[in-house]
């Protein structure tokens, strides 16, 4: 079944974060036997066959979850056409050993190939596809959290853009605690939202002289902020 190579847990996390779960497998200049195996694994609707490197690279830059497979002698050209920024978020699998005049397997991995697959049996290809699609899904989640971190950083800089005399602390000598963003961040949306909110309120309070001043910058009433802090205090206790 198309899309079944993603585990239910990863599909659930992607849906919770508002990300798509559609998966695509691209085959560049692959032999008919490989194409038949891929069709059995992912279905005709999820398999795209490319004859040109440019077409495969264009597909890789879409928002869908792609894994690209190509004979090893074509992979270096494919990775160079895709570019390092995109190749770091997509799985490219080289099939078979590189030719004597081409880059070695180690060089292909250094260029960005996820794997060099000597074994092209159905079982081996299924394992590579699962790993590649899960890698792409997790990279999409990581990029989403980075975007959220940048959004919060811009909001914080807007806050700190007020005249220095209105703020109590000097950021050149004091840094508030970091926001909870990174590879080990929780991917549960409710927990993530609460963590962001708690951390953001803490940062603003540390930069302001009073709770009333913090409420002003947070654009809530002092009573609302007090209720929020009481709720968090009772939940943490």
Protein backbone atom coordinates (compact mmCIF):
# COMPACT_ATOMS: atom_id res chain seq x y z
CA UNK A 1 0.00 0.00 0.00
CA UNK A 2 1.40 3.46 -0.88
CA UNK A 3 2.55 5.29 2.22
CA UNK A 4 2.60 2.13 4.36
CA UNK A 5 6.39 2.29 4.66
CA UNK A 6 5.96 5.05 7.26
CA UNK A 7 5.19 3.62 10.67
CA UNK A 8 1.82 4.55 12.22
CA UNK A 9 3.67 6.42 14.99
CA UNK A 10 5.52 8.68 12.54
CA UNK A 11 2.39 9.25 10.46
CA UNK A 12 0.53 10.24 13.62
CA UNK A 13 3.23 12.74 14.64
CA UNK A 14 3.31 14.29 11.15
CA UNK A 15 -0.48 14.69 11.13
CA UNK A 16 -0.43 16.17 14.64
CA UNK A 17 2.07 18.81 13.52
CA UNK A 18 0.05 19.63 10.40
CA UNK A 19 2.57 18.05 8.01
CA UNK A 20 1.69 15.89 5.02
CA UNK A 21 2.15 12.13 5.08
CA UNK A 22 2.29 11.47 1.35
CA UNK A 23 5.40 9.54 0.36
CA UNK A 24 7.06 9.34 -3.05
CA UNK A 25 9.81 7.13 -4.39
CA UNK A 26 11.79 8.35 -7.38
CA UNK A 27 13.81 6.05 -9.61
CA UNK A 28 16.39 7.63 -11.90
CA UNK A 29 17.65 5.50 -14.78
CA UNK A 30 16.90 2.27 -12.91
CA UNK A 31 16.72 -1.16 -14.54
CA UNK A 32 13.27 -2.69 -15.26
CA UNK A 33 13.80 -5.33 -12.57
CA UNK A 34 14.36 -2.62 -9.95
CA UNK A 35 11.27 -0.75 -11.13
CA UNK A 36 9.15 -3.89 -10.80
CA UNK A 37 10.39 -4.42 -7.24
CA UNK A 38 9.69 -0.79 -6.30
CA UNK A 39 6.20 -1.01 -7.80
CA UNK A 40 5.42 -4.00 -5.60
CA UNK A 41 6.72 -2.15 -2.53
CA UNK A 42 5.09 1.26 -2.92
CA UNK A 43 2.53 0.97 -5.68
CA UNK A 44 2.36 2.69 -9.06
CA UNK A 45 0.86 5.90 -7.64
CA UNK A 46 3.81 6.51 -5.32
CA UNK A 47 6.56 5.61 -7.79
CA UNK A 48 7.94 8.22 -10.18
CA UNK A 49 10.35 7.14 -12.92
CA UNK A 50 12.87 9.73 -14.14
CA UNK A 51 15.18 9.66 -17.11
CA UNK A 52 16.71 13.10 -16.52
CA UNK A 53 18.66 14.22 -13.47
CA UNK A 54 17.03 17.65 -13.60
CA UNK A 55 13.53 16.16 -13.27
CA UNK A 56 14.53 14.05 -10.27
CA UNK A 57 16.19 17.05 -8.61
CA UNK A 58 13.09 19.18 -9.16
CA UNK A 59 10.91 16.56 -7.48
CA UNK A 60 13.30 16.39 -4.53
CA UNK A 61 12.73 20.08 -3.84
CA UNK A 62 8.98 19.62 -3.31
CA UNK A 63 7.37 19.45 0.12
CA UNK A 64 6.51 15.76 -0.20
CA UNK A 65 8.52 13.00 1.47
CA UNK A 66 10.84 11.71 -1.22
CA UNK A 67 13.38 8.94 -1.47
CA UNK A 68 15.45 8.86 -4.66
CA UNK A 69 17.21 5.79 -6.01
CA UNK A 70 19.74 5.79 -8.84
CA UNK A 71 22.63 3.66 -10.12
CA UNK A 72 25.81 4.59 -8.28
CA UNK A 73 27.49 6.11 -11.38
CA UNK A 74 24.62 8.66 -11.62
CA UNK A 75 24.36 9.56 -7.92
CA UNK A 76 27.18 12.12 -7.77
CA UNK A 77 25.59 14.11 -10.59
CA UNK A 78 22.18 13.84 -8.93
CA UNK A 79 23.46 15.10 -5.58
CA UNK A 80 25.29 18.01 -7.19
CA UNK A 81 22.15 19.00 -9.11
CA UNK A 82 19.97 18.80 -6.00
CA UNK A 83 22.39 20.90 -3.96
CA UNK A 84 23.69 20.39 -0.45
CA UNK A 85 20.79 22.22 1.25
CA UNK A 86 18.16 19.89 -0.21
CA UNK A 87 20.26 16.72 -0.13
CA UNK A 88 20.57 17.09 3.64
CA UNK A 89 16.79 16.66 3.96
CA UNK A 90 16.18 13.87 1.45
CA UNK A 91 17.33 10.27 1.20
CA UNK A 92 19.33 9.40 -1.91
CA UNK A 93 20.21 5.73 -2.28
CA UNK A 94 22.91 4.56 -4.67
CA UNK A 95 22.31 1.17 -6.25
CA UNK A 96 25.26 -1.13 -6.93
CA UNK A 97 28.95 -0.49 -6.70
CA UNK A 98 30.33 2.67 -8.35
CA UNK A 99 32.20 2.26 -11.60
CA UNK A 100 36.01 2.20 -11.64
CA UNK A 101 36.19 5.73 -13.01
CA UNK A 102 33.59 7.24 -10.67
CA UNK A 103 33.51 8.29 -7.02
CA UNK A 104 33.94 5.53 -4.45
CA UNK A 105 31.15 4.41 -2.13
CA UNK A 106 32.75 6.42 0.68
CA UNK A 107 32.85 9.51 -1.53
CA UNK A 108 29.18 9.10 -2.46
CA UNK A 109 28.25 8.98 1.22
CA UNK A 110 30.39 12.03 1.86
CA UNK A 111 28.55 13.86 -0.93
CA UNK A 112 25.23 13.12 0.75
CA UNK A 113 24.07 9.64 -0.30
CA UNK A 114 22.31 7.90 2.58
CA UNK A 115 23.42 4.43 1.48
CA UNK A 116 25.17 2.49 -1.25
CA UNK A 117 23.10 -0.67 -1.72
CA UNK A 118 24.92 -3.67 -3.17
CA UNK A 119 21.93 -5.90 -2.42
CA UNK A 120 18.92 -4.86 -4.53
CA UNK A 121 16.60 -7.63 -3.39
CA UNK A 122 13.06 -6.71 -2.41
CA UNK A 123 13.80 -7.13 1.31
CA UNK A 124 16.90 -4.95 1.13
CA UNK A 125 15.20 -2.21 -0.88
CA UNK A 126 12.26 -2.18 1.52
CA UNK A 127 14.63 -1.59 4.44
CA UNK A 128 16.37 1.25 2.60
CA UNK A 129 13.05 2.85 1.66
CA UNK A 130 11.71 2.67 5.22
CA UNK A 131 14.88 4.20 6.60
CA UNK A 132 14.90 6.91 3.92
CA UNK A 133 11.26 7.89 4.39
CA UNK A 134 11.57 7.99 8.17
CA UNK A 135 14.68 10.13 7.84
CA UNK A 136 12.81 12.55 5.56
CA UNK A 137 9.85 12.69 7.94
CA UNK A 138 12.03 13.41 10.97
CA UNK A 139 13.96 16.07 9.07
CA UNK A 140 10.64 17.72 8.20
CA UNK A 141 9.74 17.79 11.90
CA UNK A 142 13.13 19.22 12.80
CA UNK A 143 12.78 21.98 10.19
CA UNK A 144 9.30 22.78 11.50
CA UNK A 145 10.69 23.24 15.01
CA UNK A 146 13.50 25.41 13.67
CA UNK A 147 10.94 27.63 11.95
CA UNK A 148 9.00 27.90 15.20
CA UNK A 149 12.20 28.78 17.04
CA UNK A 150 12.97 31.54 14.52
CA UNK A 151 9.43 32.89 14.84
CA UNK A 152 9.75 33.06 18.62
CA UNK A 153 13.19 34.64 18.29
CA UNK A 154 11.77 37.37 16.03
CA UNK A 155 8.97 37.95 18.54
CA UNK A 156 11.54 38.21 21.32
CA UNK A 157 13.64 40.68 19.32
CA UNK A 158 10.52 42.76 18.71
CA UNK A 159 10.05 42.80 22.45
CA UNK A 160 13.66 43.77 23.06
CA UNK A 161 13.42 46.50 20.45
CA UNK A 162 11.92 48.85 23.00
CA UNK A 163 14.18 51.59 24.38
CA UNK A 164 16.77 50.13 26.82
CA UNK A 165 15.51 52.23 29.72
CA UNK A 166 12.18 50.40 29.66
CA UNK A 167 13.88 47.06 30.25
CA UNK A 168 15.45 46.06 33.53
CA UNK A 169 18.18 43.66 32.43
CA UNK A 170 20.98 44.17 29.95
CA UNK A 171 21.29 41.28 27.50
CA UNK A 172 24.99 41.94 27.12
CA UNK A 173 25.53 40.73 30.69
CA UNK A 174 22.51 38.45 31.23
CA UNK A 175 20.92 35.79 29.06
CA UNK A 176 17.50 34.32 29.94
CA UNK A 177 17.08 30.53 29.80
CA UNK A 178 16.77 29.10 26.27
CA UNK A 179 13.48 28.15 24.71
CA UNK A 180 12.85 24.39 24.53
CA UNK A 181 13.67 23.81 20.87
CA UNK A 182 16.05 21.22 19.46
CA UNK A 183 16.47 17.63 18.33
CA UNK A 184 15.36 16.30 21.73
CA UNK A 185 12.26 18.48 21.93
CA UNK A 186 8.98 16.71 22.49
CA UNK A 187 6.96 16.23 19.31
CA UNK A 188 3.62 16.12 21.15
CA UNK A 189 1.91 19.33 20.08
CA UNK A 190 0.14 20.07 23.37
CA UNK A 191 3.27 19.53 25.44
CA UNK A 192 5.36 21.57 22.99
CA UNK A 193 2.93 24.50 23.07
CA UNK A 194 2.84 24.54 26.87
CA UNK A 195 6.63 24.36 27.06
CA UNK A 196 7.04 27.24 24.62
CA UNK A 197 4.52 29.33 26.57
CA UNK A 198 6.14 28.69 29.96
CA UNK A 199 9.63 29.39 28.66
CA UNK A 200 8.56 32.53 26.84
CA UNK A 201 6.79 33.97 29.89
CA UNK A 202 9.86 33.20 32.01
CA UNK A 203 12.14 35.05 29.56
CA UNK A 204 9.91 38.12 29.48
CA UNK A 205 9.60 38.24 33.27
CA UNK A 206 13.36 38.07 33.68
CA UNK A 207 13.73 41.04 31.34
CA UNK A 208 11.10 43.19 33.00
CA UNK A 209 11.02 45.06 36.26
CA UNK A 210 7.61 43.85 37.37
CA UNK A 211 4.80 41.45 36.50
CA UNK A 212 2.74 44.42 35.29
CA UNK A 213 5.50 45.42 32.87
CA UNK A 214 5.79 41.82 31.67
CA UNK A 215 2.04 41.64 31.10
CA UNK A 216 2.24 44.80 29.00
CA UNK A 217 4.87 43.32 26.67
CA UNK A 218 3.02 40.01 26.50
CA UNK A 219 -0.11 41.97 25.53
CA UNK A 220 -2.26 40.45 28.28
CA UNK A 221 -3.72 41.95 31.42
CA UNK A 222 -1.84 41.68 34.69
CA UNK A 223 -4.73 39.57 36.05
CA UNK A 224 -4.49 37.16 33.13
CA UNK A 225 -0.76 36.76 33.62
CA UNK A 226 -1.22 36.19 37.34
CA UNK A 227 -3.84 33.49 36.67
CA UNK A 228 -1.53 31.84 34.13
CA UNK A 229 1.34 31.81 36.61
CA UNK A 230 -0.86 30.40 39.39
CA UNK A 231 -2.05 27.65 37.05
CA UNK A 232 1.49 26.72 36.10
CA UNK A 233 2.60 26.81 39.72
CA UNK A 234 -0.17 24.42 40.76
CA UNK A 235 0.47 22.06 37.84
CA UNK A 236 4.21 21.91 38.55
CA UNK A 237 3.60 21.29 42.24
